[in-house]
Structure formats: structure tokens, C-alpha cells
Amino acid sequence: MNKYMFNVVIGLCLLVSIQSTFATPAQSKSVKELIRLSDLEHVLSTSLDEMQPALDLEAENILLRVLGKERLTTTQEHLAVLELSQLLKETSSKAFARPETVRAIEKIYADNLSEEEIQAYLKFIKTPEGKSINQKTLQISTNVFKYMNNLSQKTLNDPAQSSQLKEQFLTIIKPLIQDE
């Protein structure tokens, strides 16, 4: 009998520990509240504003490819870049506002956070410190993105790095060129 009770107690302990290891899936209502309190719409809008230099560069690259040029030479081309950049920004903004985009973002949150984690985050984000950190996280992420972007540009502009990358690039595409 004593051995039987021991096995029951061990079984109950294992059952309790197994239940606590498996987190509860995030609930849609909680995810939506977290997104609302995180002010995701403002974050996305601000992100687009912060991405303006990257959008400008992308617009310029698109125009250069279309025109078959290496650099812009006229005022009209520079104005076209500004218009294209604005178009890219507006297109991205509209994409963020689509219901399917919102659902996809909600799914990302739900797939990556448990209900317990969301509740803890909600509790934190409702505090003054949580609100402050939430607002600063965007700026931190933006600064890291800018730093990494600048680092990439410096690497590409460094003659030694550029030469090495070109050699590696050519090695990768050499089999494709030889087939032609």
C-alpha cells in the first residue's frame, strides 16, 4: 500500500508539472488587447516614417534600373524619385491597414506568445515603466536598423570588402553564366 501511495503522489506531481510546462495558447481577445495597448498602428506608421531614407534609396534604384542608368542626372529624375518613394510609402501604409495584415500580425503574436506571457506583458505595459519602454522600443529598433543599414553601406563602399564580395558573388554565379 505504501508503494502504491508513493506511485500516486509521484504520478500527481508529474501530472501537475506537465500541465504547467505546456502553456495555454494565446486567446484572440488578449492578443488584440496587447496590440492595441502596444499602439502597433502608431508603431507601424512611425516605422514607415523612419524607413523613408530606405524607401528613397529603393525608389532611386528602381528608377535607375528602369532608365538603364548608373546615376540620376536631371531634376526631373530626382523629382520622380521623390514621387516613387512616396508611392512606396503609401503602398506599404495601405498594406499595413488591410484586415488580412492585421490578422497575420495577430497570428504572429499568438504563435509566439502564450496566454500567460501575453497577460504578463499586458500587466507590464499598463505600468508607467511598461508604457515608457514600449514607446522607446521602437526608437531602439529604429536606431539598430539604421546602424545595421549604415554598416552594410560602409561594408559595400569599402574597396577591399567590395572586391571580396564581388569575387564571392562571381564564384556563386559562375555556374549560371557558364551554362549560357
C-alpha atoms as a PDB file:
ATOM      1  CA  MET A   1       0.000   0.000   0.000  1.00  0.00           C
ATOM      2  CA  ASN A   2       2.806   2.383   0.866  1.00  0.00           C
ATOM      3  CA  LYS A   3       4.415   1.791  -2.542  1.00  0.00           C
ATOM      4  CA  TYR A   4       1.035   2.410  -4.212  1.00  0.00           C
ATOM      5  CA  MET A   5       0.630   5.800  -2.449  1.00  0.00           C
ATOM      6  CA  PHE A   6       4.161   6.736  -3.413  1.00  0.00           C
ATOM      7  CA  ASN A   7       3.390   5.992  -7.080  1.00  0.00           C
ATOM      8  CA  VAL A   8       0.139   8.009  -6.889  1.00  0.00           C
ATOM      9  CA  VAL A   9       1.933  11.008  -5.374  1.00  0.00           C
ATOM     10  CA  ILE A  10       4.700  10.800  -7.992  1.00  0.00           C
ATOM     11  CA  GLY A  11       2.055  10.480 -10.725  1.00  0.00           C
ATOM     12  CA  LEU A  12       0.182  13.537  -9.452  1.00  0.00           C
ATOM     13  CA  CYS A  13       3.388  15.555  -9.248  1.00  0.00           C
ATOM     14  CA  LEU A  14       4.279  14.596 -12.799  1.00  0.00           C
ATOM     15  CA  LEU A  15       0.768  15.483 -13.984  1.00  0.00           C
ATOM     16  CA  VAL A  16       0.941  18.908 -12.332  1.00  0.00           C
ATOM     17  CA  SER A  17       4.417  19.609 -13.702  1.00  0.00           C
ATOM     18  CA  ILE A  18       3.403  18.503 -17.203  1.00  0.00           C
ATOM     19  CA  GLN A  19       0.375  20.796 -17.141  1.00  0.00           C
ATOM     20  CA  SER A  20       2.488  23.753 -16.048  1.00  0.00           C
ATOM     21  CA  THR A  21       5.071  23.097 -18.765  1.00  0.00           C
ATOM     22  CA  PHE A  22       2.516  23.351 -21.542  1.00  0.00           C
ATOM     23  CA  ALA A  23       1.500  26.949 -21.826  1.00  0.00           C
ATOM     24  CA  THR A  24      -2.017  27.943 -22.696  1.00  0.00           C
ATOM     25  CA  PRO A  25      -2.412  29.119 -26.293  1.00  0.00           C
ATOM     26  CA  ALA A  26      -2.909  32.848 -26.638  1.00  0.00           C
ATOM     27  CA  GLN A  27      -6.505  33.982 -26.792  1.00  0.00           C
ATOM     28  CA  SER A  28      -7.586  36.269 -29.625  1.00  0.00           C
ATOM     29  CA  LYS A  29      -9.069  38.801 -27.199  1.00  0.00           C
ATOM     30  CA  SER A  30      -5.786  39.055 -25.284  1.00  0.00           C
ATOM     31  CA  VAL A  31      -3.732  39.369 -28.462  1.00  0.00           C
ATOM     32  CA  LYS A  32      -5.964  42.185 -29.712  1.00  0.00           C
ATOM     33  CA  GLU A  33      -5.679  43.994 -26.377  1.00  0.00           C
ATOM     34  CA  LEU A  34      -1.896  43.657 -26.410  1.00  0.00           C
ATOM     35  CA  ILE A  35      -1.696  45.012 -29.950  1.00  0.00           C
ATOM     36  CA  ARG A  36      -3.980  47.912 -29.002  1.00  0.00           C
ATOM     37  CA  LEU A  37      -2.012  48.770 -25.851  1.00  0.00           C
ATOM     38  CA  SER A  38       1.280  48.382 -27.732  1.00  0.00           C
ATOM     39  CA  ASP A  39      -0.043  51.048 -30.097  1.00  0.00           C
ATOM     40  CA  LEU A  40       1.012  48.937 -33.046  1.00  0.00           C
ATOM     41  CA  GLU A  41      -0.724  51.175 -35.577  1.00  0.00           C
ATOM     42  CA  HIS A  42       1.374  54.149 -34.434  1.00  0.00           C
ATOM     43  CA  VAL A  43       4.496  51.960 -34.350  1.00  0.00           C
ATOM     44  CA  LEU A  44       3.932  50.869 -37.953  1.00  0.00           C
ATOM     45  CA  SER A  45       3.263  54.436 -39.062  1.00  0.00           C
ATOM     46  CA  THR A  46       6.375  55.708 -37.313  1.00  0.00           C
ATOM     47  CA  SER A  47       8.369  52.822 -38.766  1.00  0.00           C
ATOM     48  CA  LEU A  48       7.356  53.910 -42.246  1.00  0.00           C
ATOM     49  CA  ASP A  49       8.497  57.444 -41.478  1.00  0.00           C
ATOM     50  CA  GLU A  50      11.799  56.113 -40.158  1.00  0.00           C
ATOM     51  CA  MET A  51      12.187  53.949 -43.269  1.00  0.00           C
ATOM     52  CA  GLN A  52      11.937  56.980 -45.561  1.00  0.00           C
ATOM     53  CA  PRO A  53      15.662  57.009 -46.415  1.00  0.00           C
ATOM     54  CA  ALA A  54      15.492  53.302 -47.345  1.00  0.00           C
ATOM     55  CA  LEU A  55      12.358  53.931 -49.419  1.00  0.00           C
ATOM     56  CA  ASP A  56      14.102  56.844 -51.159  1.00  0.00           C
ATOM     57  CA  LEU A  57      17.058  54.617 -51.979  1.00  0.00           C
ATOM     58  CA  GLU A  58      14.770  51.851 -53.240  1.00  0.00           C
ATOM     59  CA  ALA A  59      12.869  54.343 -55.414  1.00  0.00           C
ATOM     60  CA  GLU A  60      16.146  55.631 -56.832  1.00  0.00           C
ATOM     61  CA  ASN A  61      17.346  52.089 -57.578  1.00  0.00           C
ATOM     62  CA  ILE A  62      14.059  51.253 -59.301  1.00  0.00           C
ATOM     63  CA  LEU A  63      14.280  54.374 -61.455  1.00  0.00           C
ATOM     64  CA  LEU A  64      17.929  53.735 -62.326  1.00  0.00           C
ATOM     65  CA  ARG A  65      17.103  50.159 -63.383  1.00  0.00           C
ATOM     66  CA  VAL A  66      14.142  51.296 -65.471  1.00  0.00           C
ATOM     67  CA  LEU A  67      16.152  54.068 -67.115  1.00  0.00           C
ATOM     68  CA  GLY A  68      19.217  51.862 -67.531  1.00  0.00           C
ATOM     69  CA  LYS A  69      21.412  54.493 -65.890  1.00  0.00           C
ATOM     70  CA  GLU A  70      24.067  54.417 -63.197  1.00  0.00           C
ATOM     71  CA  ARG A  71      23.107  57.748 -61.625  1.00  0.00           C
ATOM     72  CA  LEU A  72      20.406  60.387 -61.751  1.00  0.00           C
ATOM     73  CA  THR A  73      21.304  63.424 -63.823  1.00  0.00           C
ATOM     74  CA  THR A  74      18.227  65.643 -64.116  1.00  0.00           C
ATOM     75  CA  THR A  75      15.924  67.495 -61.770  1.00  0.00           C
ATOM     76  CA  GLN A  76      13.001  65.622 -63.296  1.00  0.00           C
ATOM     77  CA  GLU A  77      14.605  62.287 -62.357  1.00  0.00           C
ATOM     78  CA  HIS A  78      15.165  63.459 -58.788  1.00  0.00           C
ATOM     79  CA  LEU A  79      11.538  64.588 -58.547  1.00  0.00           C
ATOM     80  CA  ALA A  80      10.419  61.233 -59.927  1.00  0.00           C
ATOM     81  CA  VAL A  81      12.393  59.508 -57.149  1.00  0.00           C
ATOM     82  CA  LEU A  82      10.508  61.541 -54.543  1.00  0.00           C
ATOM     83  CA  GLU A  83       7.178  60.607 -56.117  1.00  0.00           C
ATOM     84  CA  LEU A  84       8.144  56.937 -56.365  1.00  0.00           C
ATOM     85  CA  SER A  85       9.315  56.940 -52.756  1.00  0.00           C
ATOM     86  CA  GLN A  86       6.003  58.442 -51.645  1.00  0.00           C
ATOM     87  CA  LEU A  87       4.172  55.806 -53.680  1.00  0.00           C
ATOM     88  CA  LEU A  88       6.162  53.046 -51.959  1.00  0.00           C
ATOM     89  CA  LYS A  89       5.334  54.539 -48.565  1.00  0.00           C
ATOM     90  CA  GLU A  90       1.620  54.860 -49.354  1.00  0.00           C
ATOM     91  CA  THR A  91       1.513  51.303 -50.713  1.00  0.00           C
ATOM     92  CA  SER A  92       3.152  49.979 -47.548  1.00  0.00           C
ATOM     93  CA  SER A  93       0.807  52.018 -45.375  1.00  0.00           C
ATOM     94  CA  LYS A  94      -2.227  50.607 -47.184  1.00  0.00           C
ATOM     95  CA  ALA A  95      -0.837  47.089 -46.816  1.00  0.00           C
ATOM     96  CA  PHE A  96      -0.491  47.602 -43.045  1.00  0.00           C
ATOM     97  CA  ALA A  97      -4.131  48.709 -42.815  1.00  0.00           C
ATOM     98  CA  ARG A  98      -5.591  45.669 -44.594  1.00  0.00           C
ATOM     99  CA  PRO A  99      -7.643  43.307 -42.413  1.00  0.00           C
ATOM    100  CA  GLU A 100      -5.584  40.319 -43.590  1.00  0.00           C
ATOM    101  CA  THR A 101      -2.403  42.099 -42.474  1.00  0.00           C
ATOM    102  CA  VAL A 102      -3.883  42.756 -39.050  1.00  0.00           C
ATOM    103  CA  ARG A 103      -4.951  39.095 -38.810  1.00  0.00           C
ATOM    104  CA  ALA A 104      -1.478  37.969 -39.857  1.00  0.00           C
ATOM    105  CA  ILE A 105       0.109  40.164 -37.174  1.00  0.00           C
ATOM    106  CA  GLU A 106      -2.332  38.823 -34.582  1.00  0.00           C
ATOM    107  CA  LYS A 107      -1.381  35.288 -35.643  1.00  0.00           C
ATOM    108  CA  ILE A 108       2.313  36.098 -35.284  1.00  0.00           C
ATOM    109  CA  TYR A 109       1.701  37.289 -31.728  1.00  0.00           C
ATOM    110  CA  ALA A 110      -0.461  34.242 -30.956  1.00  0.00           C
ATOM    111  CA  ASP A 111       2.069  31.817 -32.447  1.00  0.00           C
ATOM    112  CA  ASN A 112       4.946  33.281 -30.459  1.00  0.00           C
ATOM    113  CA  LEU A 113       3.400  34.148 -27.110  1.00  0.00           C
ATOM    114  CA  SER A 114       1.406  32.052 -24.699  1.00  0.00           C
ATOM    115  CA  GLU A 115      -1.657  33.420 -22.923  1.00  0.00           C
ATOM    116  CA  GLU A 116       0.394  33.634 -19.729  1.00  0.00           C
ATOM    117  CA  GLU A 117       3.099  35.653 -21.473  1.00  0.00           C
ATOM    118  CA  ILE A 118       0.540  37.991 -23.000  1.00  0.00           C
ATOM    119  CA  GLN A 119      -1.105  38.526 -19.612  1.00  0.00           C
ATOM    120  CA  ALA A 120       2.289  39.283 -18.044  1.00  0.00           C
ATOM    121  CA  TYR A 121       3.099  41.689 -20.891  1.00  0.00           C
ATOM    122  CA  LEU A 122      -0.301  43.382 -20.546  1.00  0.00           C
ATOM    123  CA  LYS A 123       0.267  43.792 -16.835  1.00  0.00           C
ATOM    124  CA  PHE A 124       3.700  45.288 -17.516  1.00  0.00           C
ATOM    125  CA  ILE A 125       2.627  47.553 -20.375  1.00  0.00           C
ATOM    126  CA  LYS A 126      -0.066  49.097 -18.192  1.00  0.00           C
ATOM    127  CA  THR A 127       2.579  50.388 -15.776  1.00  0.00           C
ATOM    128  CA  PRO A 128       4.314  53.738 -16.371  1.00  0.00           C
ATOM    129  CA  GLU A 129       7.613  51.907 -16.895  1.00  0.00           C
ATOM    130  CA  GLY A 130       5.999  49.498 -19.341  1.00  0.00           C
ATOM    131  CA  LYS A 131       4.441  52.323 -21.343  1.00  0.00           C
ATOM    132  CA  SER A 132       7.773  54.119 -21.465  1.00  0.00           C
ATOM    133  CA  ILE A 133       9.725  51.039 -22.523  1.00  0.00           C
ATOM    134  CA  ASN A 134       7.105  50.208 -25.162  1.00  0.00           C
ATOM    135  CA  GLN A 135       7.495  53.672 -26.689  1.00  0.00           C
ATOM    136  CA  LYS A 136      11.293  53.549 -26.521  1.00  0.00           C
ATOM    137  CA  THR A 137      11.497  50.072 -28.047  1.00  0.00           C
ATOM    138  CA  LEU A 138      10.505  51.468 -31.423  1.00  0.00           C
ATOM    139  CA  GLN A 139      13.253  54.080 -31.277  1.00  0.00           C
ATOM    140  CA  ILE A 140      15.782  51.473 -30.172  1.00  0.00           C
ATOM    141  CA  SER A 141      14.764  49.139 -33.013  1.00  0.00           C
ATOM    142  CA  THR A 142      14.892  52.014 -35.487  1.00  0.00           C
ATOM    143  CA  ASN A 143      18.358  53.027 -34.326  1.00  0.00           C
ATOM    144  CA  VAL A 144      19.603  49.442 -34.559  1.00  0.00           C
ATOM    145  CA  PHE A 145      18.097  49.190 -38.073  1.00  0.00           C
ATOM    146  CA  LYS A 146      19.768  52.465 -39.100  1.00  0.00           C
ATOM    147  CA  TYR A 147      23.091  51.347 -37.647  1.00  0.00           C
ATOM    148  CA  MET A 148      22.934  47.998 -39.457  1.00  0.00           C
ATOM    149  CA  ASN A 149      21.924  49.731 -42.685  1.00  0.00           C
ATOM    150  CA  ASN A 150      24.849  52.189 -42.385  1.00  0.00           C
ATOM    151  CA  LEU A 151      27.193  49.327 -41.547  1.00  0.00           C
ATOM    152  CA  SER A 152      26.037  47.470 -44.657  1.00  0.00           C
ATOM    153  CA  GLN A 153      26.570  50.577 -46.781  1.00  0.00           C
ATOM    154  CA  LYS A 154      30.052  51.130 -45.324  1.00  0.00           C
ATOM    155  CA  THR A 155      30.908  47.500 -45.976  1.00  0.00           C
ATOM    156  CA  LEU A 156      29.724  47.746 -49.569  1.00  0.00           C
ATOM    157  CA  ASN A 157      31.583  51.044 -50.073  1.00  0.00           C
ATOM    158  CA  ASP A 158      34.841  49.708 -48.619  1.00  0.00           C
ATOM    159  CA  PRO A 159      37.007  48.814 -51.641  1.00  0.00           C
ATOM    160  CA  ALA A 160      38.540  45.726 -50.001  1.00  0.00           C
ATOM    161  CA  GLN A 161      35.178  44.424 -48.799  1.00  0.00           C
ATOM    162  CA  SER A 162      33.536  45.278 -52.090  1.00  0.00           C
ATOM    163  CA  SER A 163      36.230  43.428 -54.021  1.00  0.00           C
ATOM    164  CA  GLN A 164      35.929  40.388 -51.779  1.00  0.00           C
ATOM    165  CA  LEU A 165      32.125  40.387 -52.092  1.00  0.00           C
ATOM    166  CA  LYS A 166      32.411  40.724 -55.872  1.00  0.00           C
ATOM    167  CA  GLU A 167      34.728  37.714 -56.014  1.00  0.00           C
ATOM    168  CA  GLN A 168      32.362  35.668 -53.841  1.00  0.00           C
ATOM    169  CA  PHE A 169      29.387  36.804 -55.907  1.00  0.00           C
ATOM    170  CA  LEU A 170      31.112  35.808 -59.144  1.00  0.00           C
ATOM    171  CA  THR A 171      32.037  32.420 -57.670  1.00  0.00           C
ATOM    172  CA  ILE A 172      28.384  31.813 -56.823  1.00  0.00           C
ATOM    173  CA  ILE A 173      27.003  32.853 -60.192  1.00  0.00           C
ATOM    174  CA  LYS A 174      29.837  31.407 -62.323  1.00  0.00           C
ATOM    175  CA  PRO A 175      27.993  28.096 -62.920  1.00  0.00           C
ATOM    176  CA  LEU A 176      24.948  30.058 -64.079  1.00  0.00           C
ATOM    177  CA  ILE A 177      26.971  32.150 -66.524  1.00  0.00           C
ATOM    178  CA  GLN A 178      28.840  29.135 -67.934  1.00  0.00           C
ATOM    179  CA  ASP A 179      25.568  27.355 -68.780  1.00  0.00           C
ATOM    180  CA  GLU A 180      24.608  30.136 -71.184  1.00  0.00           C
END
